[in-house]
Protein backbone atom coordinates (compact mmCIF):
# COMPACT_ATOMS: atom_id res chain seq x y z
CA UNK A 1 117.05 87.93 144.32
CA UNK A 2 114.50 89.17 141.95
CA UNK A 3 115.76 89.15 138.35
CA UNK A 4 116.17 92.22 136.39
CA UNK A 5 115.98 93.10 132.48
CA UNK A 6 119.86 93.01 132.55
CA UNK A 7 119.99 89.79 133.85
CA UNK A 8 118.23 88.24 130.60
CA UNK A 9 119.49 91.12 128.02
CA UNK A 10 123.05 91.32 129.07
CA UNK A 11 123.80 87.75 129.84
CA UNK A 12 127.40 87.24 129.68
CA UNK A 13 129.07 84.05 128.10
CA UNK A 14 130.33 83.21 131.71
CA UNK A 15 126.99 83.44 133.06
CA UNK A 16 125.57 81.66 130.58
CA UNK A 17 128.06 79.00 131.20
CA UNK A 18 127.41 78.52 134.73
CA UNK A 19 123.79 78.59 134.50
CA UNK A 20 124.03 75.55 131.82
CA UNK A 21 126.32 73.78 134.41
CA UNK A 22 123.62 74.50 137.00
CA UNK A 23 120.83 72.68 134.79
CA UNK A 24 123.20 69.70 134.34
CA UNK A 25 123.25 69.15 138.15
CA UNK A 26 119.69 69.57 138.54
CA UNK A 27 117.51 66.74 139.41
CA UNK A 28 113.51 66.81 138.75
CA UNK A 29 111.28 68.21 141.46
CA UNK A 30 109.74 65.13 143.33
CA UNK A 31 106.09 64.52 142.70
CA UNK A 32 104.03 67.14 144.45
CA UNK A 33 106.67 69.60 145.23
CA UNK A 34 106.85 73.16 143.44
CA UNK A 35 109.69 73.10 140.75
CA UNK A 36 112.49 75.26 141.00
CA UNK A 37 111.97 79.04 139.01
CA UNK A 38 113.06 79.12 135.60
CA UNK A 39 116.72 80.81 135.29
CA UNK A 40 117.40 83.31 132.54
CA UNK A 41 118.95 80.67 130.05
CA UNK A 42 115.99 78.41 130.48
CA UNK A 43 113.54 81.53 129.84
CA UNK A 44 115.40 82.42 126.76
CA UNK A 45 115.58 79.09 125.05
CA UNK A 46 111.84 78.70 125.82
CA UNK A 47 111.25 82.15 124.17
CA UNK A 48 113.19 81.21 121.09
CA UNK A 49 111.44 77.69 120.99
CA UNK A 50 108.25 79.87 120.27
CA UNK A 51 109.64 80.41 116.87
CA UNK A 52 109.17 76.83 115.81
CA UNK A 53 105.96 75.41 118.10
CA UNK A 54 102.60 76.60 118.83
CA UNK A 55 102.11 75.90 122.36
CA UNK A 56 98.45 76.82 122.07
CA UNK A 57 97.73 73.13 120.44
CA UNK A 58 99.38 71.45 123.75
CA UNK A 59 97.13 71.20 127.20
CA UNK A 60 96.69 69.08 129.73
CA UNK A 61 96.95 65.39 128.89
CA UNK A 62 98.23 66.69 125.48
CA UNK A 63 101.21 68.37 126.68
CA UNK A 64 103.29 64.91 126.52
CA UNK A 65 102.56 65.12 122.66
CA UNK A 66 104.28 68.36 122.27
CA UNK A 67 106.54 68.94 119.02
CA UNK A 68 110.41 69.57 119.46
CA UNK A 69 112.04 71.26 120.62
CA UNK A 70 109.81 71.29 123.73
CA UNK A 71 110.41 67.65 124.81
CA UNK A 72 114.36 68.03 124.36
CA UNK A 73 114.19 71.24 126.50
CA UNK A 74 111.90 69.85 128.86
CA UNK A 75 114.46 66.80 129.60
CA UNK A 76 117.48 69.35 129.75
CA UNK A 77 115.74 71.34 132.14
CA UNK A 78 114.44 68.45 134.01
CA UNK A 79 110.87 69.40 134.08
CA UNK A 80 107.70 68.42 132.41
CA UNK A 81 106.72 69.46 128.99
CA UNK A 82 103.85 71.43 130.61
CA UNK A 83 106.15 73.52 132.40
CA UNK A 84 107.70 74.50 129.29
CA UNK A 85 104.78 74.93 127.26
CA UNK A 86 103.26 77.21 130.27
CA UNK A 87 106.26 79.38 130.16
CA UNK A 88 106.02 79.99 126.29
CA UNK A 89 102.31 80.90 126.87
CA UNK A 90 103.65 83.54 129.53
CA UNK A 91 106.34 85.01 127.24
CA UNK A 92 104.49 85.38 123.98
CA UNK A 93 101.65 87.07 125.59
CA UNK A 94 98.92 84.11 125.46
CA UNK A 95 98.40 84.24 129.25
CA UNK A 96 98.68 87.48 131.11
CA UNK A 97 100.27 86.12 134.61
CA UNK A 98 103.78 86.35 133.28
CA UNK A 99 106.49 87.99 135.39
CA UNK A 100 106.88 91.69 134.53
CA UNK A 101 110.46 91.46 133.90
CA UNK A 102 110.04 88.41 131.63
CA UNK A 103 107.24 89.88 129.85
CA UNK A 104 109.31 92.84 129.09
CA UNK A 105 112.28 90.67 127.92
CA UNK A 106 110.03 88.89 125.42
CA UNK A 107 108.78 92.08 124.20
CA UNK A 108 112.35 93.65 123.48
CA UNK A 109 113.47 90.31 121.81
CA UNK A 110 110.22 89.44 119.74
CA UNK A 111 109.96 92.92 118.21
CA UNK A 112 113.53 92.55 117.01
CA UNK A 113 114.19 89.03 115.46
CA UNK A 114 117.85 89.86 115.05
CA UNK A 115 118.43 90.27 118.47
CA UNK A 116 116.65 87.35 119.56
CA UNK A 117 119.09 85.20 117.10
CA UNK A 118 121.97 86.82 118.55
CA UNK A 119 121.07 85.70 121.98
CA UNK A 120 120.11 82.00 120.92
CA UNK A 121 123.38 81.56 119.31
CA UNK A 122 125.43 82.82 122.23
CA UNK A 123 123.33 80.70 124.57
CA UNK A 124 123.78 77.90 122.08
CA UNK A 125 127.84 78.34 122.27
CA UNK A 126 127.76 78.48 126.05
CA UNK A 127 125.83 75.31 126.06
CA UNK A 128 128.46 73.74 123.51
CA UNK A 129 131.27 74.76 125.69
CA UNK A 130 130.16 72.85 128.89
CA UNK A 131 129.41 69.64 127.12
CA UNK A 132 125.82 70.11 126.18
CA UNK A 133 125.90 68.79 122.48
CA UNK A 134 123.18 68.48 119.49
CA UNK A 135 122.02 65.21 121.10
CA UNK A 136 120.67 67.18 124.25
CA UNK A 137 119.99 70.49 122.83
CA UNK A 138 119.39 70.38 119.03
CA UNK A 139 119.96 73.58 117.08
CA UNK A 140 116.23 74.13 116.73
CA UNK A 141 116.53 77.40 114.97
CA UNK A 142 118.96 75.87 112.59
CA UNK A 143 121.35 78.99 112.90
CA UNK A 144 124.41 77.22 114.21
CA UNK A 145 126.04 76.80 110.99
CA UNK A 146 123.86 78.97 108.80
CA UNK A 147 124.95 81.86 106.64
CA UNK A 148 121.87 84.02 106.96
CA UNK A 149 119.94 85.91 109.35
CA UNK A 150 116.78 84.79 111.23
CA UNK A 151 114.19 86.26 109.20
CA UNK A 152 110.15 85.62 110.30
CA UNK A 153 108.55 84.38 107.23
CA UNK A 154 104.87 85.16 105.71
CA UNK A 155 105.10 88.86 106.91
CA UNK A 156 103.96 90.56 103.82
CA UNK A 157 100.23 89.34 104.21
CA UNK A 158 100.16 91.44 107.42
CA UNK A 159 99.05 94.92 107.41
CA UNK A 160 99.52 97.14 110.27
CA UNK A 161 96.12 98.18 110.56
CA UNK A 162 94.48 94.90 110.39
CA UNK A 163 96.76 93.80 113.19
CA UNK A 164 95.83 96.83 115.53
CA UNK A 165 91.68 96.00 114.74
CA UNK A 166 92.42 92.18 115.33
CA UNK A 167 94.26 92.64 118.70
CA UNK A 168 92.31 95.70 119.98
CA UNK A 169 90.19 93.38 122.43
CA UNK A 170 92.90 91.33 123.60
CA UNK A 171 95.07 94.98 124.38
CA UNK A 172 91.94 95.83 126.27
CA UNK A 173 91.95 92.83 128.49
CA UNK A 174 95.82 93.27 128.98
CA UNK A 175 95.09 96.85 129.90
CA UNK A 176 92.54 95.74 132.57
CA UNK A 177 94.24 92.81 134.08
CA UNK A 178 98.03 94.06 134.17
CA UNK A 179 98.33 97.61 135.04
CA UNK A 180 101.95 96.91 136.19
CA UNK A 181 102.76 96.70 132.53
CA UNK A 182 102.94 99.86 130.07
CA UNK A 183 100.38 100.09 127.26
CA UNK A 184 103.14 100.37 124.90
CA UNK A 185 104.80 97.04 125.91
CA UNK A 186 101.64 95.13 125.78
CA UNK A 187 100.78 96.57 122.44
CA UNK A 188 104.15 95.71 121.11
CA UNK A 189 104.18 92.14 122.38
CA UNK A 190 100.67 91.55 120.88
CA UNK A 191 101.70 92.61 117.61
CA UNK A 192 105.14 90.72 117.77
CA UNK A 193 103.32 87.47 118.90
CA UNK A 194 101.06 87.80 115.92
CA UNK A 195 104.12 88.15 113.62
CA UNK A 196 105.54 85.29 115.24
CA UNK A 197 102.26 83.10 114.77
CA UNK A 198 102.08 84.27 111.05
CA UNK A 199 105.81 82.57 110.71
CA UNK A 200 105.09 79.40 112.24
CA UNK A 201 102.22 79.02 109.94
CA UNK A 202 104.58 79.91 107.10
CA UNK A 203 107.18 77.27 108.30
CA UNK A 204 104.59 74.51 108.77
CA UNK A 205 102.94 75.04 105.31
CA UNK A 206 106.40 75.15 103.43
CA UNK A 207 107.04 72.19 105.05
CA UNK A 208 103.85 70.37 104.63
CA UNK A 209 104.18 71.02 100.78
CA UNK A 210 107.71 69.90 100.51
CA UNK A 211 109.17 73.32 99.84
CA UNK A 212 107.75 73.29 96.62
CA UNK A 213 104.93 75.58 94.74
CA UNK A 214 101.67 73.46 94.85
CA UNK A 215 100.86 75.02 91.37
CA UNK A 216 104.03 74.50 89.13
CA UNK A 217 106.48 72.41 91.44
CA UNK A 218 109.19 75.22 91.52
CA UNK A 219 111.71 74.33 94.02
CA UNK A 220 115.11 76.03 94.14
CA UNK A 221 118.24 74.81 95.83
CA UNK A 222 121.67 76.63 96.01
CA UNK A 223 124.88 75.59 97.23
CA UNK A 224 123.84 77.10 100.82
CA UNK A 225 120.71 75.35 100.72
CA UNK A 226 116.94 76.49 99.69
CA UNK A 227 116.70 79.85 97.81
CA UNK A 228 115.33 82.18 99.90
CA UNK A 229 112.07 84.24 98.75
CA UNK A 230 111.23 81.84 95.97
CA UNK A 231 108.23 80.38 97.34
CA UNK A 232 105.62 82.28 99.53
CA UNK A 233 103.45 80.52 102.30
CA UNK A 234 100.08 82.59 102.10
CA UNK A 235 96.48 81.96 103.60
CA UNK A 236 93.75 80.54 101.42
CA UNK A 237 91.13 82.62 103.31
CA UNK A 238 93.24 85.72 104.29
CA UNK A 239 94.33 86.51 107.72
CA UNK A 240 92.59 89.61 107.97
CA UNK A 241 89.06 87.83 107.88
CA UNK A 242 89.95 84.52 109.53
CA UNK A 243 89.33 83.73 113.12
CA UNK A 244 92.33 83.11 115.41
CA UNK A 245 92.42 79.42 114.88
CA UNK A 246 92.11 79.80 111.31
CA UNK A 247 95.01 81.95 110.87
CA UNK A 248 97.25 79.45 112.47
CA UNK A 249 95.73 76.41 110.48
CA UNK A 250 98.40 75.26 108.19
CA UNK A 251 95.51 73.54 106.15
CA UNK A 252 94.37 77.18 105.31
CA UNK A 253 97.66 77.78 103.60
CA UNK A 254 99.36 77.01 100.01
CA UNK A 255 103.14 77.54 99.12
CA UNK A 256 103.62 79.07 95.72
CA UNK A 257 106.16 80.84 93.67
CA UNK A 258 105.12 84.50 93.86
CA UNK A 259 103.64 84.79 90.23
CA UNK A 260 101.23 81.76 91.44
CA UNK A 261 100.66 83.60 94.69
CA UNK A 262 99.53 86.74 93.11
CA UNK A 263 97.32 84.87 90.84
CA UNK A 264 95.85 83.12 93.39
CA UNK A 265 95.23 85.95 95.82
CA UNK A 266 93.90 88.06 93.01
CA UNK A 267 91.51 85.50 91.81
CA UNK A 268 93.23 84.52 88.65
CA UNK A 269 93.61 80.76 90.04
CA UNK A 270 91.54 78.92 92.10
CA UNK A 271 91.10 75.05 93.57
CA UNK A 272 87.97 73.14 94.08
CA UNK A 273 87.49 70.54 96.69
CA UNK A 274 89.11 67.78 94.46
CA UNK A 275 92.13 70.05 94.44
CA UNK A 276 91.83 70.60 90.80
CA UNK A 277 93.53 74.07 89.50
CA UNK A 278 90.77 76.38 87.50
CA UNK A 279 91.76 79.32 85.44
CA UNK A 280 89.66 82.58 85.38
CA UNK A 281 87.99 82.42 81.85
CA UNK A 282 89.57 85.74 81.18
CA UNK A 283 93.01 84.29 81.66
CA UNK A 284 92.13 81.33 79.90
CA UNK A 285 91.74 83.53 76.63
CA UNK A 286 95.11 85.20 77.26
CA UNK A 287 96.61 81.61 77.40
CA UNK A 288 95.56 80.60 74.17
CA UNK A 289 96.46 83.75 72.39
CA UNK A 290 99.51 85.22 74.18
CA UNK A 291 102.95 82.87 74.62
CA UNK A 292 104.40 84.83 77.43
CA UNK A 293 101.22 84.42 79.50
CA UNK A 294 100.91 80.84 78.23
CA UNK A 295 104.67 80.22 79.39
CA UNK A 296 103.46 80.93 82.97
CA UNK A 297 99.85 79.67 83.08
CA UNK A 298 99.62 77.04 80.40
CA UNK A 299 99.45 73.24 81.06
CA UNK A 300 102.51 72.63 81.65
CA UNK A 301 104.06 74.55 83.86
CA UNK A 302 100.41 75.02 85.77
CA UNK A 303 99.52 71.53 87.19
CA UNK A 304 96.09 69.94 86.56
CA UNK A 305 95.96 69.45 90.16
CA UNK A 306 97.94 70.67 93.43
CA UNK A 307 101.27 69.11 93.65
CA UNK A 308 101.33 67.71 96.92
CA UNK A 309 103.81 65.53 98.34
CA UNK A 310 103.05 62.15 99.85
CA UNK A 311 101.60 62.38 103.30
CA UNK A 312 101.06 66.02 103.01
CA UNK A 313 97.79 67.32 104.88
CA UNK A 314 95.55 68.90 102.09
CA UNK A 315 93.78 72.18 102.00
CA UNK A 316 90.50 72.21 103.80
CA UNK A 317 87.39 72.21 101.65
CA UNK A 318 85.88 75.25 103.69
CA UNK A 319 89.05 77.47 102.76
CA UNK A 320 88.62 76.55 99.18
CA UNK A 321 85.22 77.10 98.88
CA UNK A 322 85.82 80.79 100.56
CA UNK A 323 88.24 81.54 98.11
CA UNK A 324 86.02 80.51 95.16
CA UNK A 325 83.00 82.35 96.59
CA UNK A 326 84.89 85.69 97.43
CA UNK A 327 88.16 85.99 95.41
CA UNK A 328 87.79 83.91 92.02
CA UNK A 329 84.04 84.73 91.28
CA UNK A 330 84.00 83.83 87.96
CA UNK A 331 80.95 82.52 85.60
CA UNK A 332 83.27 79.35 85.20
CA UNK A 333 81.64 76.17 86.99
CA UNK A 334 84.51 75.14 89.34
CA UNK A 335 83.49 71.23 88.78
CA UNK A 336 85.27 68.35 89.90
């Protein structure tokens, strides 16, 4: 029987439990045989996984290297990683050959992160009730015991007019190839997918930098975990002037406290290829004469070089060079 929107958006706890049990009884498809169709709980969990994994990084032989939760979901679904990755691509608009009802489900949920979080928690609870524990289905969105709602990170950097301009060509492709879908659905899906990519980018940047400001080392913990909104993950070369791969490249990002983030974005600070932090000459004068400015931009708290944890990927020199040439623009010689 063909699936309908309500099979996904109005899935009951009882239906979810039955589907999880059906998955537990499933055997992998024999080699060369067609896999069974995805059922709603699989599709919805694959959609939730797009909040964590950039499926575009994996294809062909690299599918086996996909990051979690893709391998965990593949094992639970008795499918190869490539199957889960392909479903993720269909759902977030990366490919235009997804089923109409699934694309509409993705558009509804990706444009309402709170609704997606609620659906995820409901499915997770149903899985736990039939004996699927964290060892088989990890809480990959970290919401099961959280006291906060799902919030997409890094959204302040995206401006609607920039999004519309950047996505116009992709929208035209959808319009020519998928006449069965309303324009408003594809447009909203593409915008939501771009915002989703920005969220994944921010998560990766913050994790890569140890959830600390790379300029001053600020890191705030509360009894409920890391304090929200104390750090920002922004592009070095801004989203609006980056190409598609640069927008998703965590080496094009820095985690910073709001003050140092704004200072970098507006060209009061820059970083050279040796990761040394430079201060604009006009600001340097204020540091020397104004105690309040010195308390924020003096050394300390400002570090001499970017504060990166062991093993962190450093920003790529070409992004730093772009910032020096297009944002910092100071007579100061940005040396080693």
